[in-house]
N, C-alpha and C. Protein backbone atom coordinates (compact mmCIF):
# COMPACT_ATOMS: atom_id res chain seq x y z
N MET A 1 99.39 114.08 104.30
CA MET A 1 99.15 112.72 104.68
C MET A 1 99.85 112.44 106.01
N SER A 2 99.14 111.86 106.94
CA SER A 2 99.70 111.59 108.25
C SER A 2 100.59 110.34 108.21
N ARG A 3 101.34 110.12 109.27
CA ARG A 3 102.21 108.95 109.34
C ARG A 3 101.40 107.67 109.38
N ILE A 4 100.21 107.74 110.00
CA ILE A 4 99.35 106.56 110.04
C ILE A 4 98.93 106.17 108.64
N ASP A 5 98.47 107.16 107.87
CA ASP A 5 98.04 106.88 106.50
C ASP A 5 99.20 106.42 105.63
N ALA A 6 100.35 107.06 105.80
CA ALA A 6 101.52 106.68 105.00
C ALA A 6 101.93 105.25 105.30
N GLY A 7 101.96 104.88 106.57
CA GLY A 7 102.31 103.51 106.94
C GLY A 7 101.31 102.50 106.41
N ARG A 8 100.05 102.84 106.50
CA ARG A 8 99.01 101.92 106.02
C ARG A 8 99.10 101.72 104.52
N TRP A 9 99.28 102.81 103.76
CA TRP A 9 99.36 102.69 102.30
C TRP A 9 100.65 101.99 101.87
N LEU A 10 101.72 102.22 102.61
CA LEU A 10 102.97 101.53 102.33
C LEU A 10 102.82 100.03 102.56
N ALA A 11 102.18 99.67 103.67
CA ALA A 11 101.96 98.25 103.97
C ALA A 11 101.03 97.61 102.94
N LEU A 12 99.96 98.28 102.59
CA LEU A 12 99.04 97.72 101.59
C LEU A 12 99.69 97.60 100.22
N GLY A 13 100.50 98.58 99.85
CA GLY A 13 101.22 98.51 98.58
C GLY A 13 102.19 97.33 98.55
N GLY A 14 102.93 97.15 99.63
CA GLY A 14 103.84 96.01 99.72
C GLY A 14 103.10 94.68 99.72
N TYR A 15 101.97 94.65 100.42
CA TYR A 15 101.17 93.42 100.51
C TYR A 15 100.63 93.02 99.14
N PHE A 16 99.92 93.93 98.49
CA PHE A 16 99.32 93.60 97.20
C PHE A 16 100.37 93.42 96.11
N GLY A 17 101.47 94.16 96.19
CA GLY A 17 102.55 93.97 95.25
C GLY A 17 103.18 92.60 95.39
N LEU A 18 103.40 92.18 96.63
CA LEU A 18 103.97 90.86 96.89
C LEU A 18 103.02 89.76 96.43
N PHE A 19 101.75 89.92 96.72
CA PHE A 19 100.75 88.94 96.32
C PHE A 19 100.71 88.80 94.80
N LEU A 20 100.65 89.93 94.09
CA LEU A 20 100.59 89.89 92.63
C LEU A 20 101.89 89.37 92.02
N LEU A 21 103.02 89.76 92.59
CA LEU A 21 104.30 89.28 92.09
C LEU A 21 104.37 87.76 92.15
N ILE A 22 104.04 87.20 93.30
CA ILE A 22 104.10 85.74 93.47
C ILE A 22 103.11 85.07 92.52
N LEU A 23 101.92 85.59 92.42
CA LEU A 23 100.89 85.01 91.56
C LEU A 23 101.31 85.02 90.09
N VAL A 24 101.74 86.17 89.61
CA VAL A 24 102.09 86.30 88.19
C VAL A 24 103.37 85.54 87.87
N TRP A 25 104.40 85.68 88.71
CA TRP A 25 105.68 85.04 88.41
C TRP A 25 105.55 83.52 88.43
N THR A 26 104.85 82.99 89.44
CA THR A 26 104.73 81.54 89.56
C THR A 26 103.78 80.96 88.51
N SER A 27 102.79 81.72 88.12
CA SER A 27 101.82 81.22 87.14
C SER A 27 102.27 81.40 85.70
N LEU A 28 102.82 82.57 85.38
CA LEU A 28 103.06 82.90 83.98
C LEU A 28 104.52 83.05 83.59
N VAL A 29 105.27 83.82 84.35
CA VAL A 29 106.62 84.18 83.94
C VAL A 29 107.59 83.00 84.02
N ASP A 30 107.68 82.37 85.18
CA ASP A 30 108.62 81.26 85.35
C ASP A 30 108.00 80.20 86.25
N PRO A 31 107.13 79.35 85.68
CA PRO A 31 106.51 78.30 86.50
C PRO A 31 107.56 77.33 87.04
N PRO A 32 107.32 76.77 88.21
CA PRO A 32 108.29 75.81 88.77
C PRO A 32 108.40 74.57 87.88
N ARG A 33 109.61 74.04 87.79
CA ARG A 33 109.86 72.89 86.92
C ARG A 33 109.67 71.56 87.62
N HIS A 34 109.97 71.50 88.91
CA HIS A 34 109.98 70.22 89.62
C HIS A 34 108.81 70.03 90.57
N LEU A 35 108.02 71.04 90.78
CA LEU A 35 106.86 70.96 91.68
C LEU A 35 105.62 71.43 90.94
N PRO A 36 104.45 70.96 91.37
CA PRO A 36 103.22 71.47 90.75
C PRO A 36 103.03 72.96 91.07
N ARG A 37 102.58 73.68 90.08
CA ARG A 37 102.34 75.12 90.25
C ARG A 37 101.41 75.41 91.42
N SER A 38 100.36 74.61 91.53
CA SER A 38 99.37 74.84 92.58
C SER A 38 99.97 74.68 93.98
N LEU A 39 100.90 73.76 94.14
CA LEU A 39 101.53 73.56 95.44
C LEU A 39 102.39 74.76 95.82
N VAL A 40 103.16 75.27 94.87
CA VAL A 40 104.01 76.43 95.13
C VAL A 40 103.14 77.65 95.45
N LEU A 41 102.07 77.84 94.70
CA LEU A 41 101.16 78.96 94.97
C LEU A 41 100.51 78.81 96.34
N LEU A 42 100.13 77.61 96.69
CA LEU A 42 99.50 77.37 97.99
C LEU A 42 100.46 77.71 99.13
N VAL A 43 101.69 77.26 99.01
CA VAL A 43 102.68 77.49 100.08
C VAL A 43 103.04 78.97 100.20
N LEU A 44 103.12 79.66 99.06
CA LEU A 44 103.54 81.06 99.11
C LEU A 44 102.38 82.05 99.32
N LEU A 45 101.19 81.74 98.84
CA LEU A 45 100.09 82.70 98.93
C LEU A 45 99.15 82.47 100.11
N LEU A 46 99.04 81.25 100.58
CA LEU A 46 98.11 80.98 101.69
C LEU A 46 98.44 81.79 102.95
N PRO A 47 99.72 81.89 103.35
CA PRO A 47 100.01 82.72 104.53
C PRO A 47 99.64 84.20 104.32
N LEU A 48 99.71 84.67 103.08
CA LEU A 48 99.37 86.07 102.81
C LEU A 48 97.87 86.33 102.89
N LEU A 49 97.05 85.30 102.74
CA LEU A 49 95.61 85.51 102.80
C LEU A 49 95.11 85.71 104.23
N ALA A 50 95.84 85.19 105.21
CA ALA A 50 95.40 85.29 106.60
C ALA A 50 95.21 86.74 107.08
N PRO A 51 96.14 87.67 106.83
CA PRO A 51 95.96 89.02 107.36
C PRO A 51 95.17 89.97 106.46
N LEU A 52 94.62 89.50 105.36
CA LEU A 52 93.99 90.40 104.39
C LEU A 52 92.89 91.25 105.00
N ARG A 53 91.96 90.64 105.70
CA ARG A 53 90.83 91.38 106.26
C ARG A 53 91.29 92.43 107.28
N GLY A 54 92.20 92.05 108.16
CA GLY A 54 92.69 92.99 109.17
C GLY A 54 93.47 94.15 108.56
N LEU A 55 94.23 93.88 107.51
CA LEU A 55 94.97 94.96 106.85
C LEU A 55 94.01 95.94 106.18
N LEU A 56 93.00 95.40 105.53
CA LEU A 56 92.03 96.27 104.85
C LEU A 56 91.23 97.12 105.83
N HIS A 57 90.99 96.58 107.03
CA HIS A 57 90.25 97.33 108.06
C HIS A 57 91.15 98.19 108.93
N GLY A 58 92.45 98.12 108.74
CA GLY A 58 93.38 98.97 109.47
C GLY A 58 93.56 98.57 110.92
N ARG A 59 93.52 97.30 111.22
CA ARG A 59 93.68 96.83 112.60
C ARG A 59 95.16 96.81 112.97
N VAL A 60 95.46 97.40 114.11
CA VAL A 60 96.84 97.56 114.54
C VAL A 60 97.48 96.20 114.83
N ARG A 61 96.77 95.31 115.50
CA ARG A 61 97.34 93.99 115.83
C ARG A 61 97.67 93.20 114.58
N THR A 62 96.82 93.31 113.57
CA THR A 62 97.08 92.59 112.32
C THR A 62 98.34 93.13 111.65
N HIS A 63 98.49 94.45 111.65
CA HIS A 63 99.71 95.03 111.08
C HIS A 63 100.94 94.59 111.86
N ALA A 64 100.81 94.45 113.17
CA ALA A 64 101.95 94.05 114.00
C ALA A 64 102.41 92.64 113.64
N TRP A 65 101.49 91.69 113.55
CA TRP A 65 101.96 90.34 113.24
C TRP A 65 102.20 90.14 111.75
N THR A 66 101.66 91.00 110.91
CA THR A 66 102.00 90.92 109.49
C THR A 66 103.46 91.32 109.27
N SER A 67 103.97 92.20 110.11
CA SER A 67 105.38 92.56 109.98
C SER A 67 106.26 91.32 110.25
N LEU A 68 105.82 90.46 111.15
CA LEU A 68 106.57 89.22 111.40
C LEU A 68 106.41 88.24 110.24
N LEU A 69 105.22 88.18 109.67
CA LEU A 69 104.97 87.32 108.52
C LEU A 69 105.83 87.73 107.32
N SER A 70 106.01 89.03 107.17
CA SER A 70 106.78 89.51 106.02
C SER A 70 108.24 89.07 106.08
N LEU A 71 108.74 88.75 107.25
CA LEU A 71 110.13 88.30 107.37
C LEU A 71 110.36 86.96 106.68
N PHE A 72 109.31 86.13 106.61
CA PHE A 72 109.39 84.89 105.85
C PHE A 72 109.68 85.19 104.38
N TYR A 73 108.99 86.19 103.83
CA TYR A 73 109.17 86.55 102.43
C TYR A 73 110.50 87.27 102.20
N VAL A 74 111.00 87.94 103.22
CA VAL A 74 112.35 88.51 103.13
C VAL A 74 113.37 87.38 102.99
N ALA A 75 113.22 86.33 103.80
CA ALA A 75 114.14 85.19 103.73
C ALA A 75 114.04 84.48 102.38
N VAL A 76 112.82 84.29 101.88
CA VAL A 76 112.65 83.65 100.57
C VAL A 76 113.26 84.52 99.48
N GLY A 77 113.06 85.83 99.57
CA GLY A 77 113.63 86.74 98.58
C GLY A 77 115.14 86.72 98.57
N ILE A 78 115.75 86.69 99.74
CA ILE A 78 117.21 86.62 99.83
C ILE A 78 117.71 85.31 99.24
N THR A 79 117.01 84.22 99.53
CA THR A 79 117.40 82.91 99.00
C THR A 79 117.31 82.89 97.47
N LEU A 80 116.22 83.42 96.94
CA LEU A 80 116.06 83.44 95.48
C LEU A 80 117.05 84.40 94.82
N ALA A 81 117.36 85.51 95.47
CA ALA A 81 118.29 86.48 94.89
C ALA A 81 119.72 85.93 94.84
N ALA A 82 120.01 84.93 95.65
CA ALA A 82 121.35 84.34 95.64
C ALA A 82 121.58 83.44 94.43
N VAL A 83 120.49 83.00 93.78
CA VAL A 83 120.58 82.15 92.60
C VAL A 83 120.52 83.05 91.37
N ALA A 84 121.47 82.91 90.48
CA ALA A 84 121.56 83.81 89.33
C ALA A 84 120.31 83.77 88.45
N ALA A 85 119.71 82.60 88.28
CA ALA A 85 118.54 82.48 87.40
C ALA A 85 117.31 83.17 87.97
N ASP A 86 117.22 83.28 89.28
CA ASP A 86 116.04 83.85 89.94
C ASP A 86 116.32 85.20 90.59
N ARG A 87 117.40 85.85 90.22
CA ARG A 87 117.82 87.07 90.89
C ARG A 87 116.78 88.19 90.81
N VAL A 88 116.18 88.40 89.66
CA VAL A 88 115.20 89.48 89.49
C VAL A 88 113.98 89.21 90.36
N TYR A 89 113.49 87.99 90.34
CA TYR A 89 112.33 87.61 91.16
C TYR A 89 112.66 87.75 92.65
N GLY A 90 113.83 87.29 93.04
CA GLY A 90 114.23 87.38 94.45
C GLY A 90 114.36 88.81 94.93
N LEU A 91 114.97 89.68 94.12
CA LEU A 91 115.12 91.08 94.51
C LEU A 91 113.78 91.81 94.55
N ALA A 92 112.90 91.47 93.62
CA ALA A 92 111.56 92.08 93.64
C ALA A 92 110.79 91.62 94.88
N MET A 93 110.88 90.33 95.20
CA MET A 93 110.20 89.83 96.39
C MET A 93 110.78 90.44 97.66
N LEU A 94 112.09 90.55 97.71
CA LEU A 94 112.75 91.16 98.86
C LEU A 94 112.33 92.61 99.04
N THR A 95 112.28 93.36 97.95
CA THR A 95 111.89 94.77 98.01
C THR A 95 110.45 94.92 98.51
N LEU A 96 109.55 94.14 97.96
CA LEU A 96 108.14 94.26 98.36
C LEU A 96 107.92 93.77 99.78
N ALA A 97 108.63 92.73 100.19
CA ALA A 97 108.51 92.24 101.57
C ALA A 97 109.04 93.27 102.56
N LEU A 98 110.13 93.94 102.22
CA LEU A 98 110.66 94.99 103.09
C LEU A 98 109.73 96.20 103.13
N LEU A 99 109.08 96.47 102.02
CA LEU A 99 108.08 97.54 101.97
C LEU A 99 106.91 97.20 102.89
N LEU A 100 106.45 95.97 102.84
CA LEU A 100 105.37 95.52 103.73
C LEU A 100 105.82 95.60 105.19
N PHE A 101 107.03 95.17 105.47
CA PHE A 101 107.56 95.21 106.83
C PHE A 101 107.64 96.65 107.35
N ALA A 102 108.24 97.52 106.57
CA ALA A 102 108.41 98.91 107.01
C ALA A 102 107.06 99.62 107.15
N GLY A 103 106.16 99.39 106.21
CA GLY A 103 104.84 100.02 106.29
C GLY A 103 104.05 99.54 107.50
N SER A 104 104.13 98.26 107.79
CA SER A 104 103.42 97.72 108.95
C SER A 104 103.97 98.29 110.25
N LEU A 105 105.29 98.35 110.35
CA LEU A 105 105.88 98.90 111.57
C LEU A 105 105.58 100.39 111.73
N LEU A 106 105.64 101.12 110.64
CA LEU A 106 105.31 102.54 110.69
C LEU A 106 103.87 102.76 111.12
N TYR A 107 102.97 101.95 110.59
CA TYR A 107 101.55 102.07 110.97
C TYR A 107 101.34 101.75 112.44
N VAL A 108 101.96 100.69 112.93
CA VAL A 108 101.80 100.30 114.34
C VAL A 108 102.35 101.38 115.26
N ARG A 109 103.54 101.89 114.96
CA ARG A 109 104.14 102.93 115.81
C ARG A 109 103.31 104.21 115.81
N ALA A 110 102.84 104.62 114.64
CA ALA A 110 102.06 105.84 114.55
C ALA A 110 100.70 105.68 115.22
N ALA A 111 100.08 104.52 115.08
CA ALA A 111 98.77 104.29 115.68
C ALA A 111 98.89 104.22 117.20
N ARG A 112 99.93 103.60 117.70
CA ARG A 112 100.12 103.52 119.16
C ARG A 112 100.45 104.89 119.74
N ALA A 113 101.20 105.69 118.99
CA ALA A 113 101.56 107.03 119.47
C ALA A 113 100.34 107.96 119.51
N SER A 114 99.42 107.75 118.58
CA SER A 114 98.22 108.60 118.55
C SER A 114 97.13 108.08 119.48
N GLY A 115 97.31 106.88 120.01
CA GLY A 115 96.34 106.34 120.96
C GLY A 115 95.18 105.60 120.32
N SER A 116 95.31 105.22 119.05
CA SER A 116 94.23 104.49 118.36
C SER A 116 94.21 103.05 118.74
């Protein structure tokens, strides 16, 4: 497997893992108590829907700005991990967001180095 493929699969794994984690955790595992579920899902999932098409098609520019988008989820994960009640959710979100970040950067670097 080449570095381009490894970066792409790493980014897609982090992306879909993050998407599913947020969807399942917010809907089923621990719904928010003070806000409507739909509002929390909208705020957390809507930004993730923007790069979906470009990630699936392997576009380098989309991977580049998705790495910046993933930093938002890194910050949310760190914030949630600091609260004892949400530590597992925060660490899982942090891990998947860092996976998305690293995979996107690896894909961009490898694609630019190969001239794609």
